[in-house]
Amino acid sequence: MADTTRITVTLPTEQVAELKKLTDNVSGYVAEAVARRLRHHLLGGGSAEPQGRARSLQHGGVG
C-alpha cells in the first residue's frame, strides 16, 4: 500500500452533501480525482518521463 498523508480540505457544504450521496468513501473519491488531474497534467507534457510518472501515480506511487 502507498504511503499516505492526512490533510484537511475545505469544500462548500453543497459539494460535500453531493459527494456523500455518491460514495461512502469521500477520501478515496477525492484521491482518485486528484490522481486523474495529476495524470492529465503530467501527460500534457509530451515527453516519455511524465507518462511513466503518471502511471506510477495511478498505482499509488509517488513518481
C-alpha atoms as a PDB file:
ATOM      1  CA  MET A   1       0.000   0.000   0.000  1.00  0.00           C
ATOM      2  CA  ALA A   2       1.193   3.504  -0.802  1.00  0.00           C
ATOM      3  CA  ASP A   3       2.209   5.888   1.946  1.00  0.00           C
ATOM      4  CA  THR A   4      -0.452   8.428   2.817  1.00  0.00           C
ATOM      5  CA  THR A   5      -0.503  11.867   4.379  1.00  0.00           C
ATOM      6  CA  ARG A   6      -3.544  13.250   6.135  1.00  0.00           C
ATOM      7  CA  ILE A   7      -4.614  16.716   5.025  1.00  0.00           C
ATOM      8  CA  THR A   8      -7.623  18.919   5.616  1.00  0.00           C
ATOM      9  CA  VAL A   9      -9.588  20.140   2.613  1.00  0.00           C
ATOM     10  CA  THR A  10     -12.338  22.733   2.859  1.00  0.00           C
ATOM     11  CA  LEU A  11     -15.181  22.310   0.386  1.00  0.00           C
ATOM     12  CA  PRO A  12     -18.525  24.022   0.012  1.00  0.00           C
ATOM     13  CA  THR A  13     -21.236  22.273   2.052  1.00  0.00           C
ATOM     14  CA  GLU A  14     -23.243  21.534  -1.106  1.00  0.00           C
ATOM     15  CA  GLN A  15     -20.300  19.682  -2.674  1.00  0.00           C
ATOM     16  CA  VAL A  16     -19.799  17.565   0.424  1.00  0.00           C
ATOM     17  CA  ALA A  17     -23.503  16.685   0.503  1.00  0.00           C
ATOM     18  CA  GLU A  18     -23.372  15.593  -3.150  1.00  0.00           C
ATOM     19  CA  LEU A  19     -20.168  13.610  -2.574  1.00  0.00           C
ATOM     20  CA  LYS A  20     -21.779  11.731   0.304  1.00  0.00           C
ATOM     21  CA  LYS A  21     -24.685  10.811  -1.988  1.00  0.00           C
ATOM     22  CA  LEU A  22     -22.215   9.314  -4.454  1.00  0.00           C
ATOM     23  CA  THR A  23     -19.873   7.478  -2.104  1.00  0.00           C
ATOM     24  CA  ASP A  24     -19.235   6.392   1.465  1.00  0.00           C
ATOM     25  CA  ASN A  25     -15.500   6.889   0.843  1.00  0.00           C
ATOM     26  CA  VAL A  26     -15.088  10.637   0.278  1.00  0.00           C
ATOM     27  CA  SER A  27     -11.336  10.429   0.859  1.00  0.00           C
ATOM     28  CA  GLY A  28     -10.950   7.735  -1.802  1.00  0.00           C
ATOM     29  CA  TYR A  29     -13.137   9.676  -4.221  1.00  0.00           C
ATOM     30  CA  VAL A  30     -11.082  12.842  -3.768  1.00  0.00           C
ATOM     31  CA  ALA A  31      -7.797  10.903  -4.037  1.00  0.00           C
ATOM     32  CA  GLU A  32      -8.955   9.398  -7.350  1.00  0.00           C
ATOM     33  CA  ALA A  33      -9.998  12.827  -8.656  1.00  0.00           C
ATOM     34  CA  VAL A  34      -6.610  14.297  -7.715  1.00  0.00           C
ATOM     35  CA  ALA A  35      -4.759  11.373  -9.332  1.00  0.00           C
ATOM     36  CA  ARG A  36      -6.748  11.857 -12.559  1.00  0.00           C
ATOM     37  CA  ARG A  37      -5.980  15.574 -12.589  1.00  0.00           C
ATOM     38  CA  LEU A  38      -2.273  14.937 -11.964  1.00  0.00           C
ATOM     39  CA  ARG A  39      -2.154  12.330 -14.751  1.00  0.00           C
ATOM     40  CA  HIS A  40      -3.854  14.783 -17.109  1.00  0.00           C
ATOM     41  CA  HIS A  41      -1.329  17.472 -16.185  1.00  0.00           C
ATOM     42  CA  LEU A  42       1.661  15.154 -16.497  1.00  0.00           C
ATOM     43  CA  LEU A  43       0.549  13.617 -19.787  1.00  0.00           C
ATOM     44  CA  GLY A  44       0.201  17.073 -21.307  1.00  0.00           C
ATOM     45  CA  GLY A  45       3.988  17.484 -21.279  1.00  0.00           C
ATOM     46  CA  GLY A  46       4.565  15.180 -24.245  1.00  0.00           C
ATOM     47  CA  SER A  47       7.772  13.503 -23.002  1.00  0.00           C
ATOM     48  CA  ALA A  48       8.124   9.844 -22.012  1.00  0.00           C
ATOM     49  CA  GLU A  49       9.167  10.574 -18.418  1.00  0.00           C
ATOM     50  CA  PRO A  50       5.904  12.246 -17.368  1.00  0.00           C
ATOM     51  CA  GLN A  51       3.918   9.310 -18.783  1.00  0.00           C
ATOM     52  CA  GLY A  52       5.851   6.875 -16.596  1.00  0.00           C
ATOM     53  CA  ARG A  53       5.309   9.145 -13.626  1.00  0.00           C
ATOM     54  CA  ALA A  54       1.574   9.324 -14.378  1.00  0.00           C
ATOM     55  CA  ARG A  55       1.388   5.518 -14.436  1.00  0.00           C
ATOM     56  CA  SER A  56       3.154   5.419 -11.085  1.00  0.00           C
ATOM     57  CA  LEU A  57       0.653   7.890  -9.614  1.00  0.00           C
ATOM     58  CA  GLN A  58      -2.223   5.823 -10.961  1.00  0.00           C
ATOM     59  CA  HIS A  59      -0.943   2.890  -8.911  1.00  0.00           C
ATOM     60  CA  GLY A  60      -0.367   4.901  -5.751  1.00  0.00           C
ATOM     61  CA  GLY A  61       3.317   5.689  -6.269  1.00  0.00           C
ATOM     62  CA  VAL A  62       4.997   8.995  -5.658  1.00  0.00           C
ATOM     63  CA  GLY A  63       6.619   9.207  -9.061  1.00  0.00           C
END
